[in-house]
Amino acid sequence: MSATPKSTATQVTSLPTSTDTIPKPEGLSIDRFRSKRSLLAGNVETLLPPLSHSKIGDTGDYVRLHHDEDRYWSGELCFVTVPPAAKQKKGDLHLIEEDLAVQNLPSKAITRQRIALATKPNGRFFLCLVPSQNLDNIWNATARDGCIEARTRWVWVTSRAAENVEGYAMIFPKAQTAFAEIEWPKQTLSELIEAAFKGRMIVDTEHPGFLRLIGAEQKP
């Protein structure tokens, strides 16, 4: 019986079909460079410029004081008013270390009060001077009462002097919702005070404001 002849056809290796898995090259994934944050949702807060300071009765508008008294109301601080320099109409309020003030200045020159973060409508923030002593004085007492009331609702604290009555009156808006919701800044009260009183914090006997108060000669 004769043998079966051998095939002379060349054997072809099959190509991968569309369903075969092709290994991906190893390396960095483009996903790690993907943007995850919107330009409108940045996490950098715009800092407030240095704030002015005012008594609540001098604001001439509706006012709110920060509701968080622990974080945004200071303890009692010591202040002095340095007389005005040339071309100034009024003196500048300075913070001063109490021991330095007591040892060198008359007691009448020293005032003690608190500072609270406050705002007028439309985000007009300022530092409110809150009376903390001589509360038997009707002006101090009614100003302090207005500050306390302003923690929870809008209030206009206005002098009654034109009525020949001492003290302040509290006036409330027709609707507490008349003004936009307050977006309080995230800066700490200490940061806000330091910015507002930059150059006006007396901590040693060489400060120009202190030298002016004691009548000492200042170097040009």
C-alpha atoms as a PDB file:
ATOM      1  CA  MET A   1       0.000   0.000   0.000  1.00  0.00           C
ATOM      2  CA  SER A   2       1.439   3.323  -1.018  1.00  0.00           C
ATOM      3  CA  ALA A   3       2.166   6.085   1.616  1.00  0.00           C
ATOM      4  CA  THR A   4       0.025   9.280   1.750  1.00  0.00           C
ATOM      5  CA  PRO A   5       1.929  12.128   0.148  1.00  0.00           C
ATOM      6  CA  LYS A   6       3.097  14.913   2.496  1.00  0.00           C
ATOM      7  CA  SER A   7       1.531  18.377   2.103  1.00  0.00           C
ATOM      8  CA  THR A   8       3.844  21.064   0.843  1.00  0.00           C
ATOM      9  CA  ALA A   9       1.562  23.995   2.012  1.00  0.00           C
ATOM     10  CA  THR A  10       3.141  26.587   4.283  1.00  0.00           C
ATOM     11  CA  GLN A  11       1.525  26.767   7.769  1.00  0.00           C
ATOM     12  CA  VAL A  12       0.195  30.324   8.521  1.00  0.00           C
ATOM     13  CA  THR A  13      -0.119  31.657  12.107  1.00  0.00           C
ATOM     14  CA  SER A  14      -3.551  33.210  12.601  1.00  0.00           C
ATOM     15  CA  LEU A  15      -3.774  37.027  13.304  1.00  0.00           C
ATOM     16  CA  PRO A  16      -5.602  38.288  16.376  1.00  0.00           C
ATOM     17  CA  THR A  17      -9.252  38.997  15.842  1.00  0.00           C
ATOM     18  CA  SER A  18     -10.997  42.154  16.973  1.00  0.00           C
ATOM     19  CA  THR A  19     -11.995  40.381  20.141  1.00  0.00           C
ATOM     20  CA  ASP A  20      -8.423  39.542  21.155  1.00  0.00           C
ATOM     21  CA  THR A  21      -6.922  41.637  23.985  1.00  0.00           C
ATOM     22  CA  ILE A  22      -3.845  43.694  23.064  1.00  0.00           C
ATOM     23  CA  PRO A  23      -1.733  44.585  26.107  1.00  0.00           C
ATOM     24  CA  LYS A  24      -1.508  48.376  26.789  1.00  0.00           C
ATOM     25  CA  PRO A  25       1.970  49.833  27.156  1.00  0.00           C
ATOM     26  CA  GLU A  26       2.972  50.460  30.734  1.00  0.00           C
ATOM     27  CA  GLY A  27       3.660  54.020  31.856  1.00  0.00           C
ATOM     28  CA  LEU A  28       1.961  57.169  33.169  1.00  0.00           C
ATOM     29  CA  SER A  29      -1.788  57.466  32.890  1.00  0.00           C
ATOM     30  CA  ILE A  30      -3.117  60.699  31.444  1.00  0.00           C
ATOM     31  CA  ASP A  31      -5.804  60.635  34.128  1.00  0.00           C
ATOM     32  CA  ARG A  32      -3.353  61.901  36.706  1.00  0.00           C
ATOM     33  CA  PHE A  33      -3.204  65.212  34.830  1.00  0.00           C
ATOM     34  CA  ARG A  34      -6.954  65.647  34.574  1.00  0.00           C
ATOM     35  CA  SER A  35      -8.338  68.921  35.963  1.00  0.00           C
ATOM     36  CA  LYS A  36     -10.437  68.302  39.044  1.00  0.00           C
ATOM     37  CA  ARG A  37     -11.329  71.853  40.072  1.00  0.00           C
ATOM     38  CA  SER A  38     -13.383  74.520  38.401  1.00  0.00           C
ATOM     39  CA  LEU A  39     -11.860  77.948  37.948  1.00  0.00           C
ATOM     40  CA  LEU A  40     -14.903  79.320  39.750  1.00  0.00           C
ATOM     41  CA  ALA A  41     -14.405  77.099  42.783  1.00  0.00           C
ATOM     42  CA  GLY A  42     -10.881  77.986  43.797  1.00  0.00           C
ATOM     43  CA  ASN A  43      -9.894  77.318  47.367  1.00  0.00           C
ATOM     44  CA  VAL A  44      -8.053  80.608  47.817  1.00  0.00           C
ATOM     45  CA  GLU A  45     -10.116  83.174  49.695  1.00  0.00           C
ATOM     46  CA  THR A  46      -9.763  86.849  48.883  1.00  0.00           C
ATOM     47  CA  LEU A  47      -8.532  88.598  52.006  1.00  0.00           C
ATOM     48  CA  LEU A  48     -10.332  91.680  53.247  1.00  0.00           C
ATOM     49  CA  PRO A  49      -8.434  94.966  53.148  1.00  0.00           C
ATOM     50  CA  PRO A  50      -7.692  96.560  56.545  1.00  0.00           C
ATOM     51  CA  LEU A  51     -11.009  97.355  58.188  1.00  0.00           C
ATOM     52  CA  SER A  52     -12.049 100.641  59.735  1.00  0.00           C
ATOM     53  CA  HIS A  53     -13.317 100.805  63.313  1.00  0.00           C
ATOM     54  CA  SER A  54     -16.372 102.547  64.677  1.00  0.00           C
ATOM     55  CA  LYS A  55     -18.722 102.793  67.613  1.00  0.00           C
ATOM     56  CA  ILE A  56     -22.091 101.284  66.827  1.00  0.00           C
ATOM     57  CA  GLY A  57     -23.809 104.629  67.405  1.00  0.00           C
ATOM     58  CA  ASP A  58     -21.637 106.324  64.767  1.00  0.00           C
ATOM     59  CA  THR A  59     -22.412 103.970  61.870  1.00  0.00           C
ATOM     60  CA  GLY A  60     -25.534 105.738  60.612  1.00  0.00           C
ATOM     61  CA  ASP A  61     -26.980 102.503  59.233  1.00  0.00           C
ATOM     62  CA  TYR A  62     -28.340  99.097  60.111  1.00  0.00           C
ATOM     63  CA  VAL A  63     -25.673  96.863  61.599  1.00  0.00           C
ATOM     64  CA  ARG A  64     -25.058  93.221  62.428  1.00  0.00           C
ATOM     65  CA  LEU A  65     -22.335  91.948  64.770  1.00  0.00           C
ATOM     66  CA  HIS A  66     -20.933  88.447  64.404  1.00  0.00           C
ATOM     67  CA  HIS A  67     -23.059  85.919  66.252  1.00  0.00           C
ATOM     68  CA  ASP A  68     -20.032  83.895  67.452  1.00  0.00           C
ATOM     69  CA  GLU A  69     -18.929  85.870  70.485  1.00  0.00           C
ATOM     70  CA  ASP A  70     -16.235  83.348  71.411  1.00  0.00           C
ATOM     71  CA  ARG A  71     -14.385  83.682  68.102  1.00  0.00           C
ATOM     72  CA  TYR A  72     -15.288  87.093  66.718  1.00  0.00           C
ATOM     73  CA  TRP A  73     -15.577  89.258  69.822  1.00  0.00           C
ATOM     74  CA  SER A  74     -12.322  90.099  71.591  1.00  0.00           C
ATOM     75  CA  GLY A  75     -11.776  90.272  75.307  1.00  0.00           C
ATOM     76  CA  GLU A  76     -11.332  93.691  76.846  1.00  0.00           C
ATOM     77  CA  LEU A  77      -8.444  95.555  75.177  1.00  0.00           C
ATOM     78  CA  CYS A  78      -6.537  98.721  76.089  1.00  0.00           C
ATOM     79  CA  PHE A  79      -6.568 101.769  73.808  1.00  0.00           C
ATOM     80  CA  VAL A  80      -5.162 105.272  73.698  1.00  0.00           C
ATOM     81  CA  THR A  81      -5.824 108.070  71.248  1.00  0.00           C
ATOM     82  CA  VAL A  82      -2.653 109.691  69.954  1.00  0.00           C
ATOM     83  CA  PRO A  83      -3.223 113.425  69.280  1.00  0.00           C
ATOM     84  CA  PRO A  84      -3.387 114.388  65.611  1.00  0.00           C
ATOM     85  CA  ALA A  85      -0.292 115.276  63.633  1.00  0.00           C
ATOM     86  CA  ALA A  86      -0.140 118.289  61.347  1.00  0.00           C
ATOM     87  CA  LYS A  87      -2.954 118.402  58.761  1.00  0.00           C
ATOM     88  CA  GLN A  88      -4.943 115.749  60.659  1.00  0.00           C
ATOM     89  CA  LYS A  89      -8.383 116.569  62.018  1.00  0.00           C
ATOM     90  CA  LYS A  90      -8.522 113.978  64.761  1.00  0.00           C
ATOM     91  CA  GLY A  91      -6.232 111.658  66.645  1.00  0.00           C
ATOM     92  CA  ASP A  92      -5.594 108.011  65.846  1.00  0.00           C
ATOM     93  CA  LEU A  93      -6.821 105.201  68.070  1.00  0.00           C
ATOM     94  CA  HIS A  94      -3.944 102.879  69.075  1.00  0.00           C
ATOM     95  CA  LEU A  95      -3.813  99.566  70.887  1.00  0.00           C
ATOM     96  CA  ILE A  96      -1.401  99.627  73.815  1.00  0.00           C
ATOM     97  CA  GLU A  97      -0.047  97.098  76.295  1.00  0.00           C
ATOM     98  CA  GLU A  98      -1.797  97.745  79.599  1.00  0.00           C
ATOM     99  CA  ASP A  99       1.308  97.807  81.816  1.00  0.00           C
ATOM    100  CA  LEU A 100       2.994 100.291  79.505  1.00  0.00           C
ATOM    101  CA  ALA A 101      -0.080 102.519  79.571  1.00  0.00           C
ATOM    102  CA  VAL A 102      -0.689 102.357  83.326  1.00  0.00           C
ATOM    103  CA  GLN A 103       2.938 103.076  84.218  1.00  0.00           C
ATOM    104  CA  ASN A 104       3.311 106.081  81.940  1.00  0.00           C
ATOM    105  CA  LEU A 105      -0.033 107.683  81.146  1.00  0.00           C
ATOM    106  CA  PRO A 106      -2.878 109.295  83.094  1.00  0.00           C
ATOM    107  CA  SER A 107      -5.778 106.925  83.641  1.00  0.00           C
ATOM    108  CA  LYS A 108      -8.134 109.217  81.740  1.00  0.00           C
ATOM    109  CA  ALA A 109      -6.047 108.701  78.593  1.00  0.00           C
ATOM    110  CA  ILE A 110      -6.664 104.948  78.670  1.00  0.00           C
ATOM    111  CA  THR A 111      -9.877 103.380  77.411  1.00  0.00           C
ATOM    112  CA  ARG A 112     -10.864  99.744  77.710  1.00  0.00           C
ATOM    113  CA  GLN A 113     -13.344  98.133  75.357  1.00  0.00           C
ATOM    114  CA  ARG A 114     -13.922  95.097  73.197  1.00  0.00           C
ATOM    115  CA  ILE A 115     -13.780  94.693  69.435  1.00  0.00           C
ATOM    116  CA  ALA A 116     -16.291  92.668  67.417  1.00  0.00           C
ATOM    117  CA  LEU A 117     -16.468  91.915  63.716  1.00  0.00           C
ATOM    118  CA  ALA A 118     -19.466  93.750  62.284  1.00  0.00           C
ATOM    119  CA  THR A 119     -21.059  94.648  58.990  1.00  0.00           C
ATOM    120  CA  LYS A 120     -23.453  97.088  57.427  1.00  0.00           C
ATOM    121  CA  PRO A 121     -25.699  95.873  54.581  1.00  0.00           C
ATOM    122  CA  ASN A 122     -24.026  94.578  51.413  1.00  0.00           C
ATOM    123  CA  GLY A 123     -20.890  93.225  53.076  1.00  0.00           C
ATOM    124  CA  ARG A 124     -19.447  96.511  54.349  1.00  0.00           C
ATOM    125  CA  PHE A 125     -17.416  94.979  57.153  1.00  0.00           C
ATOM    126  CA  PHE A 126     -15.848  96.966  59.990  1.00  0.00           C
ATOM    127  CA  LEU A 127     -14.596  96.497  63.543  1.00  0.00           C
ATOM    128  CA  CYS A 128     -17.148  97.601  66.109  1.00  0.00           C
ATOM    129  CA  LEU A 129     -15.945  99.077  69.411  1.00  0.00           C
ATOM    130  CA  VAL A 130     -18.045  97.518  72.165  1.00  0.00           C
ATOM    131  CA  PRO A 131     -18.223  99.231  75.599  1.00  0.00           C
ATOM    132  CA  SER A 132     -17.098  97.004  78.454  1.00  0.00           C
ATOM    133  CA  GLN A 133     -16.635  99.464  81.341  1.00  0.00           C
ATOM    134  CA  ASN A 134     -18.588 102.306  82.973  1.00  0.00           C
ATOM    135  CA  LEU A 135     -21.829 100.599  82.064  1.00  0.00           C
ATOM    136  CA  ASP A 136     -23.680 102.707  84.614  1.00  0.00           C
ATOM    137  CA  ASN A 137     -23.267 105.450  82.015  1.00  0.00           C
ATOM    138  CA  ILE A 138     -26.422 105.471  79.879  1.00  0.00           C
ATOM    139  CA  TRP A 139     -24.491 106.026  76.660  1.00  0.00           C
ATOM    140  CA  ASN A 140     -22.202 103.045  77.256  1.00  0.00           C
ATOM    141  CA  ALA A 141     -25.033 100.849  78.502  1.00  0.00           C
ATOM    142  CA  THR A 142     -27.366 101.492  75.567  1.00  0.00           C
ATOM    143  CA  ALA A 143     -24.513 101.157  73.051  1.00  0.00           C
ATOM    144  CA  ARG A 144     -23.568  97.807  74.591  1.00  0.00           C
ATOM    145  CA  ASP A 145     -27.214  96.708  74.507  1.00  0.00           C
ATOM    146  CA  GLY A 146     -27.359  97.585  70.813  1.00  0.00           C
ATOM    147  CA  CYS A 147     -24.237  95.517  70.127  1.00  0.00           C
ATOM    148  CA  ILE A 148     -25.747  92.510  71.882  1.00  0.00           C
ATOM    149  CA  GLU A 149     -29.021  92.875  69.988  1.00  0.00           C
ATOM    150  CA  ALA A 150     -27.129  93.086  66.682  1.00  0.00           C
ATOM    151  CA  ARG A 151     -25.787  89.553  67.127  1.00  0.00           C
ATOM    152  CA  THR A 152     -29.113  88.112  66.017  1.00  0.00           C
ATOM    153  CA  ARG A 153     -30.844  90.780  63.922  1.00  0.00           C
ATOM    154  CA  TRP A 154     -30.295  94.003  62.026  1.00  0.00           C
ATOM    155  CA  VAL A 155     -30.498  97.102  64.186  1.00  0.00           C
ATOM    156  CA  TRP A 156     -29.814 100.802  63.738  1.00  0.00           C
ATOM    157  CA  VAL A 157     -28.420 102.298  66.961  1.00  0.00           C
ATOM    158  CA  THR A 158     -28.948 106.049  66.943  1.00  0.00           C
ATOM    159  CA  SER A 159     -28.367 108.876  69.407  1.00  0.00           C
ATOM    160  CA  ARG A 160     -31.350 110.445  71.155  1.00  0.00           C
ATOM    161  CA  ALA A 161     -29.519 113.710  71.821  1.00  0.00           C
ATOM    162  CA  ALA A 162     -31.724 115.581  69.341  1.00  0.00           C
ATOM    163  CA  GLU A 163     -34.700 114.658  71.563  1.00  0.00           C
ATOM    164  CA  ASN A 164     -32.877 116.033  74.620  1.00  0.00           C
ATOM    165  CA  VAL A 165     -32.680 112.458  75.875  1.00  0.00           C
ATOM    166  CA  GLU A 166     -29.450 110.742  76.845  1.00  0.00           C
ATOM    167  CA  GLY A 167     -28.462 107.398  75.382  1.00  0.00           C
ATOM    168  CA  TYR A 168     -29.123 105.481  72.185  1.00  0.00           C
ATOM    169  CA  ALA A 169     -32.322 104.117  70.694  1.00  0.00           C
ATOM    170  CA  MET A 170     -32.616 100.929  68.648  1.00  0.00           C
ATOM    171  CA  ILE A 171     -34.491 100.991  65.349  1.00  0.00           C
ATOM    172  CA  PHE A 172     -35.306  97.778  63.481  1.00  0.00           C
ATOM    173  CA  PRO A 173     -35.989  97.392  59.736  1.00  0.00           C
ATOM    174  CA  LYS A 174     -39.490  96.633  58.519  1.00  0.00           C
ATOM    175  CA  ALA A 175     -38.191  93.217  57.430  1.00  0.00           C
ATOM    176  CA  GLN A 176     -35.065  91.434  58.649  1.00  0.00           C
ATOM    177  CA  THR A 177     -34.918  89.798  55.210  1.00  0.00           C
ATOM    178  CA  ALA A 178     -34.562  93.180  53.498  1.00  0.00           C
ATOM    179  CA  PHE A 179     -30.795  92.685  53.325  1.00  0.00           C
ATOM    180  CA  ALA A 180     -28.778  89.885  51.757  1.00  0.00           C
ATOM    181  CA  GLU A 181     -27.554  86.963  53.832  1.00  0.00           C
ATOM    182  CA  ILE A 182     -24.171  87.748  55.390  1.00  0.00           C
ATOM    183  CA  GLU A 183     -21.140  85.821  54.148  1.00  0.00           C
ATOM    184  CA  TRP A 184     -18.769  86.374  57.041  1.00  0.00           C
ATOM    185  CA  PRO A 185     -15.038  86.346  56.206  1.00  0.00           C
ATOM    186  CA  LYS A 186     -12.937  83.373  57.276  1.00  0.00           C
ATOM    187  CA  GLN A 187     -10.020  85.435  58.569  1.00  0.00           C
ATOM    188  CA  THR A 188      -9.623  85.238  62.325  1.00  0.00           C
ATOM    189  CA  LEU A 189     -10.455  88.221  64.491  1.00  0.00           C
ATOM    190  CA  SER A 190      -6.787  88.515  65.497  1.00  0.00           C
ATOM    191  CA  GLU A 191      -5.753  88.725  61.838  1.00  0.00           C
ATOM    192  CA  LEU A 192      -8.371  91.384  61.165  1.00  0.00           C
ATOM    193  CA  ILE A 193      -7.334  93.460  64.190  1.00  0.00           C
ATOM    194  CA  GLU A 194      -3.629  93.201  63.364  1.00  0.00           C
ATOM    195  CA  ALA A 195      -4.277  94.379  59.810  1.00  0.00           C
ATOM    196  CA  ALA A 196      -6.545  97.225  60.922  1.00  0.00           C
ATOM    197  CA  PHE A 197      -4.120  98.501  63.571  1.00  0.00           C
ATOM    198  CA  LYS A 198      -0.878  97.930  61.676  1.00  0.00           C
ATOM    199  CA  GLY A 199       1.590 100.585  62.845  1.00  0.00           C
ATOM    200  CA  ARG A 200      -0.788 101.544  65.667  1.00  0.00           C
ATOM    201  CA  MET A 201       0.020  98.857  68.237  1.00  0.00           C
ATOM    202  CA  ILE A 202       2.177 100.247  71.042  1.00  0.00           C
ATOM    203  CA  VAL A 203       4.317  97.527  72.609  1.00  0.00           C
ATOM    204  CA  ASP A 204       7.456  99.466  73.615  1.00  0.00           C
ATOM    205  CA  THR A 205       8.635 102.939  74.631  1.00  0.00           C
ATOM    206  CA  GLU A 206      10.133 103.665  71.199  1.00  0.00           C
ATOM    207  CA  HIS A 207       6.845 103.695  69.340  1.00  0.00           C
ATOM    208  CA  PRO A 208       6.223 107.162  67.821  1.00  0.00           C
ATOM    209  CA  GLY A 209       2.693 107.230  69.211  1.00  0.00           C
ATOM    210  CA  PHE A 210       3.953 106.532  72.725  1.00  0.00           C
ATOM    211  CA  LEU A 211       6.648 109.206  72.433  1.00  0.00           C
ATOM    212  CA  ARG A 212       3.994 111.703  71.356  1.00  0.00           C
ATOM    213  CA  LEU A 213       1.797 110.812  74.313  1.00  0.00           C
ATOM    214  CA  ILE A 214       4.548 111.303  76.889  1.00  0.00           C
ATOM    215  CA  GLY A 215       5.907 114.406  75.160  1.00  0.00           C
ATOM    216  CA  ALA A 216       9.299 112.936  74.403  1.00  0.00           C
ATOM    217  CA  GLU A 217      11.605 114.234  71.709  1.00  0.00           C
ATOM    218  CA  GLN A 218      11.479 112.152  68.570  1.00  0.00           C
ATOM    219  CA  LYS A 219      14.290 111.599  66.150  1.00  0.00           C
ATOM    220  CA  PRO A 220      13.628 113.137  62.719  1.00  0.00           C
END
